[in-house]
C-alpha atoms as a PDB file:
ATOM      1  CA  MET A   1     -36.525 -26.916 -24.518  1.00  0.00           C
ATOM      2  CA  VAL A   2     -34.270 -24.477 -25.119  1.00  0.00           C
ATOM      3  CA  ASN A   3     -33.852 -21.163 -24.450  1.00  0.00           C
ATOM      4  CA  PRO A   4     -32.878 -19.013 -27.108  1.00  0.00           C
ATOM      5  CA  SER A   5     -31.365 -16.005 -24.725  1.00  0.00           C
ATOM      6  CA  LEU A   6     -29.129 -18.549 -23.745  1.00  0.00           C
ATOM      7  CA  GLY A   7     -27.433 -18.630 -26.751  1.00  0.00           C
ATOM      8  CA  SER A   8     -26.939 -14.945 -26.625  1.00  0.00           C
ATOM      9  CA  VAL A   9     -25.594 -15.126 -23.085  1.00  0.00           C
ATOM     10  CA  LEU A  10     -22.959 -17.714 -24.111  1.00  0.00           C
ATOM     11  CA  VAL A  11     -22.302 -16.048 -27.065  1.00  0.00           C
ATOM     12  CA  GLY A  12     -21.605 -12.582 -24.943  1.00  0.00           C
ATOM     13  CA  LEU A  13     -19.594 -14.209 -21.953  1.00  0.00           C
ATOM     14  CA  ARG A  14     -17.590 -15.830 -25.088  1.00  0.00           C
ATOM     15  CA  HIS A  15     -16.494 -12.488 -26.392  1.00  0.00           C
ATOM     16  CA  TRP A  16     -16.194 -10.662 -22.806  1.00  0.00           C
ATOM     17  CA  THR A  17     -13.545 -13.515 -21.944  1.00  0.00           C
ATOM     18  CA  ILE A  18     -11.791 -12.906 -25.445  1.00  0.00           C
ATOM     19  CA  MET A  19     -11.406  -9.311 -24.750  1.00  0.00           C
ATOM     20  CA  LEU A  20     -10.162 -10.179 -21.074  1.00  0.00           C
ATOM     21  CA  ILE A  21      -7.744 -12.477 -22.436  1.00  0.00           C
ATOM     22  CA  TYR A  22      -6.604  -9.455 -24.654  1.00  0.00           C
ATOM     23  CA  VAL A  23      -6.013  -7.102 -21.972  1.00  0.00           C
ATOM     24  CA  TYR A  24      -4.002  -9.386 -19.745  1.00  0.00           C
ATOM     25  CA  THR A  25      -1.918 -10.463 -22.912  1.00  0.00           C
ATOM     26  CA  ALA A  26      -0.921  -6.869 -23.458  1.00  0.00           C
ATOM     27  CA  VAL A  27      -0.303  -5.847 -20.306  1.00  0.00           C
ATOM     28  CA  GLY A  28       2.068  -9.106 -19.547  1.00  0.00           C
ATOM     29  CA  GLY A  29       3.306  -8.302 -22.851  1.00  0.00           C
ATOM     30  CA  LEU A  30       4.116  -4.571 -22.171  1.00  0.00           C
ATOM     31  CA  MET A  31       6.074  -5.739 -19.346  1.00  0.00           C
ATOM     32  CA  LEU A  32       7.906  -7.779 -21.389  1.00  0.00           C
ATOM     33  CA  SER A  33       9.138  -5.499 -23.426  1.00  0.00           C
ATOM     34  CA  TYR A  34       9.626  -2.465 -21.178  1.00  0.00           C
ATOM     35  CA  MET A  35      12.261  -5.411 -19.160  1.00  0.00           C
ATOM     36  CA  LEU A  36      13.682  -6.106 -22.998  1.00  0.00           C
ATOM     37  CA  LEU A  37      13.742  -2.779 -23.519  1.00  0.00           C
ATOM     38  CA  ARG A  38      15.461  -1.551 -20.308  1.00  0.00           C
ATOM     39  CA  THR A  39      17.820  -4.668 -20.270  1.00  0.00           C
ATOM     40  CA  ARG A  40      18.946  -4.445 -24.392  1.00  0.00           C
ATOM     41  CA  LEU A  41      18.609  -8.339 -24.211  1.00  0.00           C
ATOM     42  CA  VAL A  42      17.231  -7.672 -27.675  1.00  0.00           C
ATOM     43  CA  PRO A  43      17.524  -5.081 -30.511  1.00  0.00           C
ATOM     44  CA  ARG A  44      15.798  -1.858 -29.151  1.00  0.00           C
ATOM     45  CA  TRP A  45      13.622  -1.904 -32.616  1.00  0.00           C
ATOM     46  CA  LEU A  46      12.398  -5.306 -31.531  1.00  0.00           C
ATOM     47  CA  SER A  47      11.532  -4.232 -28.200  1.00  0.00           C
ATOM     48  CA  VAL A  48       9.865  -1.128 -29.331  1.00  0.00           C
ATOM     49  CA  LEU A  49       7.813  -3.337 -31.620  1.00  0.00           C
ATOM     50  CA  GLY A  50       7.032  -5.133 -28.880  1.00  0.00           C
ATOM     51  CA  LEU A  51       5.725  -1.512 -26.677  1.00  0.00           C
ATOM     52  CA  ILE A  52       3.650  -0.458 -29.873  1.00  0.00           C
ATOM     53  CA  GLY A  53       1.918  -3.941 -30.425  1.00  0.00           C
ATOM     54  CA  TYR A  54       0.530  -4.366 -26.661  1.00  0.00           C
ATOM     55  CA  THR A  55      -0.246  -0.959 -26.564  1.00  0.00           C
ATOM     56  CA  VAL A  56      -2.155  -1.119 -29.495  1.00  0.00           C
ATOM     57  CA  LEU A  57      -3.593  -4.192 -28.599  1.00  0.00           C
ATOM     58  CA  PHE A  58      -4.721  -3.021 -25.050  1.00  0.00           C
ATOM     59  CA  LEU A  59      -6.488  -0.205 -26.566  1.00  0.00           C
ATOM     60  CA  ALA A  60      -8.265  -2.071 -29.038  1.00  0.00           C
ATOM     61  CA  ALA A  61      -9.414  -4.451 -26.362  1.00  0.00           C
ATOM     62  CA  VAL A  62     -11.240  -1.726 -24.245  1.00  0.00           C
ATOM     63  CA  LEU A  63     -12.595   0.209 -27.149  1.00  0.00           C
ATOM     64  CA  ASP A  64     -14.016  -2.825 -28.156  1.00  0.00           C
ATOM     65  CA  MET A  65     -15.341  -3.326 -24.450  1.00  0.00           C
ATOM     66  CA  LEU A  66     -16.682   0.156 -24.685  1.00  0.00           C
ATOM     67  CA  GLY A  67     -18.627  -0.750 -28.175  1.00  0.00           C
ATOM     68  CA  LEU A  68     -16.751   1.812 -30.484  1.00  0.00           C
ATOM     69  CA  VAL A  69     -14.590  -0.729 -32.493  1.00  0.00           C
ATOM     70  CA  ASP A  70     -15.073  -4.636 -33.323  1.00  0.00           C
ATOM     71  CA  THR A  71     -11.843  -6.660 -33.026  1.00  0.00           C
ATOM     72  CA  VAL A  72     -13.619  -9.995 -33.885  1.00  0.00           C
ATOM     73  CA  GLY A  73     -14.088  -8.654 -37.373  1.00  0.00           C
ATOM     74  CA  GLY A  74     -13.314  -5.971 -39.727  1.00  0.00           C
ATOM     75  CA  LEU A  75     -11.196  -3.125 -39.266  1.00  0.00           C
ATOM     76  CA  GLY A  76     -10.642  -3.130 -35.425  1.00  0.00           C
ATOM     77  CA  LEU A  77      -8.625  -6.578 -36.409  1.00  0.00           C
ATOM     78  CA  VAL A  78      -5.719  -4.050 -37.441  1.00  0.00           C
ATOM     79  CA  GLY A  79      -5.257  -3.391 -33.781  1.00  0.00           C
ATOM     80  CA  LEU A  80      -4.096  -7.351 -33.448  1.00  0.00           C
ATOM     81  CA  VAL A  81      -1.673  -6.745 -35.999  1.00  0.00           C
ATOM     82  CA  PRO A  82       1.681  -5.094 -34.381  1.00  0.00           C
ATOM     83  CA  GLY A  83       1.614  -7.274 -31.092  1.00  0.00           C
ATOM     84  CA  GLY A  84       1.052 -10.739 -33.615  1.00  0.00           C
ATOM     85  CA  LEU A  85       4.191  -8.887 -35.532  1.00  0.00           C
ATOM     86  CA  PHE A  86       6.284  -8.743 -32.372  1.00  0.00           C
ATOM     87  CA  GLU A  87       5.128 -12.242 -31.121  1.00  0.00           C
ATOM     88  CA  LEU A  88       6.013 -13.653 -34.654  1.00  0.00           C
ATOM     89  CA  VAL A  89       9.638 -11.591 -34.911  1.00  0.00           C
ATOM     90  CA  LEU A  90      10.739 -12.361 -31.263  1.00  0.00           C
ATOM     91  CA  PRO A  91      11.259 -16.202 -31.018  1.00  0.00           C
ATOM     92  CA  ILE A  92      12.448 -16.007 -34.698  1.00  0.00           C
ATOM     93  CA  TRP A  93      15.218 -13.548 -33.411  1.00  0.00           C
ATOM     94  CA  LEU A  94      15.856 -15.978 -30.263  1.00  0.00           C
ATOM     95  CA  PHE A  95      16.366 -19.201 -32.231  1.00  0.00           C
ATOM     96  CA  ALA A  96      18.310 -17.520 -34.571  1.00  0.00           C
ATOM     97  CA  ARG A  97      20.545 -14.611 -32.527  1.00  0.00           C
ATOM     98  CA  GLY A  98      19.422 -15.132 -29.185  1.00  0.00           C
ATOM     99  CA  PHE A  99      20.080 -12.754 -26.203  1.00  0.00           C
ATOM    100  CA  ASN A 100      22.885  -9.983 -26.549  1.00  0.00           C
ATOM    101  CA  LEU A 101      25.419 -12.447 -24.588  1.00  0.00           C
ATOM    102  CA  LYS A 102      27.585  -8.575 -23.873  1.00  0.00           C
ATOM    103  CA  ARG A 103      24.579  -7.662 -22.059  1.00  0.00           C
ATOM    104  CA  VAL A 104      23.646 -11.004 -20.220  1.00  0.00           C
ATOM    105  CA  ALA A 105      27.806 -11.354 -18.684  1.00  0.00           C
ATOM    106  CA  GLU A 106      26.871  -7.301 -17.406  1.00  0.00           C
ATOM    107  CA  GLY A 107      24.506  -8.917 -15.283  1.00  0.00           C
ATOM    108  CA  ALA A 108      21.711  -7.358 -17.966  1.00  0.00           C
ATOM    109  CA  TRP A 109      20.108  -4.341 -15.756  1.00  0.00           C
ATOM    110  CA  PRO A 110      20.910  -0.828 -15.868  1.00  0.00           C
ATOM    111  CA  GLN A 111      22.854   0.733 -12.565  1.00  0.00           C
ATOM    112  CA  GLY A 112      20.866   1.812 -10.033  1.00  0.00           C
ATOM    113  CA  SER A 113      17.877  -0.405 -11.280  1.00  0.00           C
ATOM    114  CA  ALA A 114      18.575  -3.508  -8.653  1.00  0.00           C
ATOM    115  CA  LYS A 115      18.674  -2.146  -5.108  1.00  0.00           C
END
């Protein structure tokens, strides 16, 4: 016999797992975008798009965990758009234009950051 409460527990666990994946993705994306901004390997607007997108994703996931928004459906899905746009544009940019080779030849890091 199947327990009906088990189904609701599994659905809740799935929801929390998705939110934790969003949080980890946002933290990793923020680090990537920050490093791309600091090293200037891609245009500044692209790095800033990543910073904005992953910040919005992080906030949306936290607000969803607090029960204030629903990122699985409805208006909460708007929080996923900027990060998704960055994840769509960055690979296209890298395939079409690649990294800034001038910055790669210089060492790609600002003075004083590597000690």
